Amino acid sequence: WQNLSSEKKFESAYIYAERGLKKIKSKLTVGDKYTSADLFDSVPFRGFSLNKDESMIPFSQRTYYPTIRGIAKTNATVEVRQNGYLIYSTSVPPGQFEIGREQIADLGVGVGVLDVSIYEKNGQVQNYTVPYSTPVLSLPDGYSKYSVTIGRYREVNNDYIDPVFFEGTYIYGLPYGFTLFGGVQWVNIYNSYAIGASKDIGEYGALSFDWKTSVSKTDTSNENG
């Protein structure tokens, strides 16, 4: 409450209610909140939003990790190290093998190098490295993330601006380190669209491309990044 010149005024902070939807691993929010910042700038709003609730999903299933591939000549033991520490060890039969994110969930995200050793039954040892870099927008193969918002923009002084706006974003992880993403912001006088992709390119870092365009009744602008 505020009491200025005998005038009482109630000012609320951001008030909202949330409900988890376990069947679709999502979260429904009603009230005052901020939009997702995955593709567009985050803005305050009052209304409804439906988002993927990542707290319902194990960290290893929603985080990008490099895939380790190799070929064992005999029955062998494969060891994976990061910064000198053993993070995973397994036995493999002769032939090709693949170690995915479920096996190396303790791997730190970001930029790094994995040291892989294959200890063959005949005493031979194969050593090689797997460099990796995690792009800002990157999801594991087959994992998706989305956000849908309908509401009115909320200003700092708690005023609300008409008309109602809509924002939707979608991000999807593909094999071999690729991630696709797209989104739209819509108001009757302004539209904005975004689409792009990112790729882990190993020792060379990460590559990301996005195309954005915005259209209004009075102006048309394009932005590429």
Protein backbone atom coordinates (compact mmCIF):
# COMPACT_ATOMS: atom_id res chain seq x y z
CA TRP A 1 0.00 0.00 0.00
CA GLN A 2 0.97 3.62 -0.57
CA ASN A 3 -0.48 6.60 1.35
CA LEU A 4 0.24 9.89 -0.42
CA SER A 5 -1.75 13.01 0.55
CA SER A 6 -4.32 10.83 2.30
CA GLU A 7 -4.79 8.88 -0.91
CA LYS A 8 -4.37 5.13 -0.61
CA LYS A 9 -3.22 3.14 -3.59
CA PHE A 10 -2.47 -0.54 -3.97
CA GLU A 11 0.46 -1.46 -6.20
CA SER A 12 1.03 -5.11 -7.00
CA ALA A 13 4.17 -6.84 -8.11
CA TYR A 14 3.96 -9.58 -10.68
CA ILE A 15 1.16 -11.89 -9.56
CA TYR A 16 0.55 -15.14 -11.38
CA ALA A 17 -0.65 -18.71 -10.94
CA GLU A 18 1.00 -21.78 -12.46
CA ARG A 19 -0.11 -25.34 -12.99
CA GLY A 20 2.04 -28.24 -14.15
CA LEU A 21 0.69 -30.44 -16.93
CA LYS A 22 2.53 -33.74 -16.49
CA LYS A 23 1.07 -35.49 -19.53
CA ILE A 24 2.65 -32.98 -21.90
CA LYS A 25 5.51 -31.97 -19.55
CA SER A 26 4.44 -28.35 -19.71
CA LYS A 27 3.47 -25.46 -17.49
CA LEU A 28 0.40 -23.22 -17.80
CA THR A 29 0.76 -19.71 -16.40
CA VAL A 30 -2.02 -17.16 -15.85
CA GLY A 31 -1.33 -13.61 -14.70
CA ASP A 32 1.67 -11.27 -14.86
CA LYS A 33 4.89 -12.73 -16.26
CA TYR A 34 7.61 -12.26 -18.86
CA THR A 35 7.65 -13.89 -22.28
CA SER A 36 10.32 -16.41 -23.20
CA ALA A 37 13.70 -14.94 -24.20
CA ASP A 38 14.76 -17.86 -26.42
CA LEU A 39 14.26 -16.06 -29.75
CA PHE A 40 12.81 -12.62 -29.05
CA ASP A 41 13.42 -10.02 -26.35
CA SER A 42 11.57 -10.89 -23.16
CA VAL A 43 8.71 -8.48 -22.41
CA PRO A 44 6.31 -8.19 -19.44
CA PHE A 45 2.70 -9.16 -20.07
CA ARG A 46 -0.58 -10.03 -18.44
CA GLY A 47 -2.32 -13.02 -19.92
CA PHE A 48 -1.74 -16.73 -20.54
CA SER A 49 1.35 -18.71 -21.44
CA LEU A 50 2.07 -22.38 -22.08
CA ASN A 51 5.70 -23.50 -21.94
CA LYS A 52 7.72 -26.69 -21.87
CA ASP A 53 8.46 -27.33 -18.19
CA GLU A 54 12.06 -28.51 -18.20
CA SER A 55 11.98 -29.18 -14.45
CA MET A 56 9.93 -32.30 -15.33
CA ILE A 57 12.66 -33.62 -17.64
CA PRO A 58 16.03 -35.07 -16.56
CA PHE A 59 18.97 -32.78 -17.27
CA SER A 60 20.68 -35.36 -19.48
CA GLN A 61 17.61 -35.63 -21.75
CA ARG A 62 17.25 -31.89 -22.40
CA THR A 63 20.90 -30.87 -22.69
CA TYR A 64 23.06 -31.16 -25.79
CA TYR A 65 26.10 -33.43 -25.59
CA PRO A 66 28.44 -34.56 -28.37
CA THR A 67 28.08 -38.14 -29.61
CA ILE A 68 31.23 -40.25 -29.34
CA ARG A 69 31.74 -42.72 -32.18
CA GLY A 70 34.49 -45.24 -32.75
CA ILE A 71 35.45 -48.72 -33.96
CA ALA A 72 36.74 -51.49 -31.72
CA LYS A 73 38.88 -54.18 -33.36
CA THR A 74 38.26 -56.73 -30.59
CA ASN A 75 36.27 -56.95 -27.38
CA ALA A 76 37.41 -53.74 -25.76
CA THR A 77 37.00 -51.28 -22.92
CA VAL A 78 36.25 -47.66 -23.83
CA GLU A 79 37.13 -44.88 -21.40
CA VAL A 80 36.12 -41.23 -21.74
CA ARG A 81 37.96 -38.52 -19.83
CA GLN A 82 37.41 -34.80 -19.45
CA ASN A 83 40.18 -32.60 -18.01
CA GLY A 84 41.98 -35.76 -16.96
CA TYR A 85 39.04 -37.19 -15.00
CA LEU A 86 37.32 -40.43 -15.97
CA ILE A 87 33.64 -39.66 -16.64
CA TYR A 88 32.55 -42.86 -18.37
CA SER A 89 33.76 -46.41 -18.99
CA THR A 90 32.09 -49.28 -20.82
CA SER A 91 32.81 -52.59 -22.56
CA VAL A 92 32.03 -52.93 -26.27
CA PRO A 93 32.12 -55.83 -28.78
CA PRO A 94 34.12 -55.67 -32.02
CA GLY A 95 32.78 -53.17 -34.54
CA GLN A 96 31.32 -49.70 -34.45
CA PHE A 97 30.07 -48.22 -31.18
CA GLU A 98 28.33 -45.03 -30.16
CA ILE A 99 28.18 -43.28 -26.78
CA GLY A 100 25.35 -40.77 -26.45
CA ARG A 101 24.11 -38.23 -23.94
CA GLU A 102 22.50 -40.84 -21.67
CA GLN A 103 25.93 -42.30 -20.92
CA ILE A 104 27.88 -39.06 -20.40
CA ALA A 105 25.33 -37.03 -18.44
CA ASP A 106 28.04 -35.74 -16.08
CA LEU A 107 29.74 -33.88 -18.92
CA GLY A 108 29.86 -30.13 -18.38
CA VAL A 109 28.16 -28.05 -21.05
CA GLY A 110 29.97 -25.32 -22.95
CA VAL A 111 33.28 -25.81 -24.76
CA GLY A 112 35.74 -28.61 -24.17
CA VAL A 113 37.59 -31.68 -25.36
CA LEU A 114 36.89 -35.32 -24.54
CA ASP A 115 39.77 -37.80 -24.47
CA VAL A 116 38.71 -41.25 -25.66
CA SER A 117 40.76 -44.42 -25.15
CA ILE A 118 39.92 -47.85 -26.58
CA TYR A 119 41.72 -50.68 -24.78
CA GLU A 120 41.67 -53.72 -27.07
CA LYS A 121 41.71 -57.29 -25.74
CA ASN A 122 45.00 -57.92 -27.57
CA GLY A 123 46.72 -55.09 -25.67
CA GLN A 124 46.50 -52.41 -28.34
CA VAL A 125 45.25 -48.94 -27.34
CA GLN A 126 43.55 -46.38 -29.56
CA ASN A 127 43.53 -42.76 -28.37
CA TYR A 128 41.71 -39.82 -29.93
CA THR A 129 39.93 -36.64 -28.93
CA VAL A 130 36.38 -35.37 -29.49
CA PRO A 131 36.24 -31.56 -29.32
CA TYR A 132 32.84 -30.00 -28.81
CA SER A 133 31.19 -26.61 -28.42
CA THR A 134 27.62 -26.01 -27.29
CA PRO A 135 25.79 -23.30 -29.30
CA VAL A 136 23.55 -20.89 -27.39
CA LEU A 137 20.47 -22.53 -28.90
CA SER A 138 21.17 -26.25 -28.95
CA LEU A 139 19.03 -29.25 -28.05
CA PRO A 140 19.73 -32.99 -28.17
CA ASP A 141 18.45 -35.11 -31.04
CA GLY A 142 14.67 -35.56 -30.86
CA TYR A 143 14.08 -33.08 -28.03
CA SER A 144 11.81 -30.06 -28.55
CA LYS A 145 11.03 -26.91 -26.61
CA TYR A 146 8.19 -24.46 -27.13
CA SER A 147 6.48 -21.39 -25.71
CA VAL A 148 3.07 -19.87 -26.50
CA THR A 149 1.88 -16.57 -25.02
CA ILE A 150 -1.34 -14.56 -25.42
CA GLY A 151 -1.78 -11.33 -23.48
CA ARG A 152 -1.34 -7.58 -23.22
CA TYR A 153 1.95 -5.74 -22.81
CA ARG A 154 2.52 -4.51 -19.26
CA GLU A 155 4.40 -1.24 -18.73
CA VAL A 156 6.58 -0.37 -15.71
CA ASN A 157 3.77 1.67 -14.14
CA ASN A 158 1.45 -1.37 -14.38
CA ASP A 159 -0.55 0.08 -17.27
CA TYR A 160 -1.58 -2.31 -20.02
CA ILE A 161 -1.37 -1.56 -23.70
CA ASP A 162 -3.95 -2.78 -26.20
CA PRO A 163 -4.25 -4.69 -28.42
CA VAL A 164 -3.70 -8.29 -27.40
CA PHE A 165 -0.50 -9.84 -28.77
CA PHE A 166 0.55 -13.41 -29.56
CA GLU A 167 4.03 -14.94 -29.39
CA GLY A 168 5.06 -18.48 -30.22
CA THR A 169 8.49 -20.14 -30.42
CA TYR A 170 9.63 -23.67 -31.24
CA ILE A 171 13.10 -25.27 -31.04
CA TYR A 172 13.93 -28.81 -32.18
CA GLY A 173 17.11 -30.87 -31.90
CA LEU A 174 18.36 -32.87 -34.89
CA PRO A 175 21.10 -35.51 -35.24
CA TYR A 176 24.79 -34.60 -35.58
CA GLY A 177 24.61 -31.43 -33.49
CA PHE A 178 22.04 -29.52 -35.55
CA THR A 179 19.23 -27.50 -33.94
CA LEU A 180 16.41 -25.72 -35.78
CA PHE A 181 14.34 -22.89 -34.33
CA GLY A 182 11.57 -20.50 -35.35
CA GLY A 183 9.08 -18.08 -33.87
CA VAL A 184 6.50 -15.39 -34.47
CA GLN A 185 5.24 -12.27 -32.68
CA TRP A 186 1.89 -10.98 -33.84
CA VAL A 187 -0.12 -7.82 -33.13
CA ASN A 188 -2.66 -6.32 -35.51
CA ILE A 189 -0.24 -3.47 -36.34
CA TYR A 190 3.07 -5.35 -36.07
CA ASN A 191 4.41 -8.78 -36.98
CA SER A 192 7.86 -10.26 -36.35
CA TYR A 193 9.22 -13.59 -37.58
CA ALA A 194 12.42 -15.52 -36.82
CA ILE A 195 13.94 -18.71 -38.16
CA GLY A 196 17.40 -20.21 -37.88
CA ALA A 197 19.72 -23.10 -37.13
CA SER A 198 22.81 -23.85 -35.04
CA LYS A 199 25.54 -26.49 -35.32
CA ASP A 200 28.34 -27.77 -33.13
CA ILE A 201 31.44 -27.86 -35.37
CA GLY A 202 33.82 -29.43 -32.87
CA GLU A 203 37.27 -27.88 -32.55
CA TYR A 204 36.17 -24.90 -34.65
CA GLY A 205 33.50 -23.88 -32.15
CA ALA A 206 29.80 -23.44 -32.89
CA LEU A 207 27.97 -21.96 -35.85
CA SER A 208 24.58 -20.25 -35.69
CA PHE A 209 22.48 -18.50 -38.34
CA ASP A 210 19.20 -16.72 -37.84
CA TRP A 211 16.96 -14.60 -40.04
CA LYS A 212 14.51 -12.12 -38.56
CA THR A 213 12.02 -9.81 -40.20
CA SER A 214 9.48 -7.40 -38.78
CA VAL A 215 6.57 -5.79 -40.59
CA SER A 216 4.35 -2.92 -39.46
CA LYS A 217 1.71 -0.81 -41.17
CA THR A 218 4.12 2.10 -41.49
CA ASP A 219 7.51 0.40 -41.93
CA THR A 220 9.16 -2.81 -43.04
CA SER A 221 12.56 -3.86 -41.70
CA ASN A 222 14.77 -6.93 -41.96
CA GLU A 223 17.50 -8.20 -39.69
CA ASN A 224 19.94 -11.01 -40.36
CA GLY A 225 22.35 -12.50 -37.84
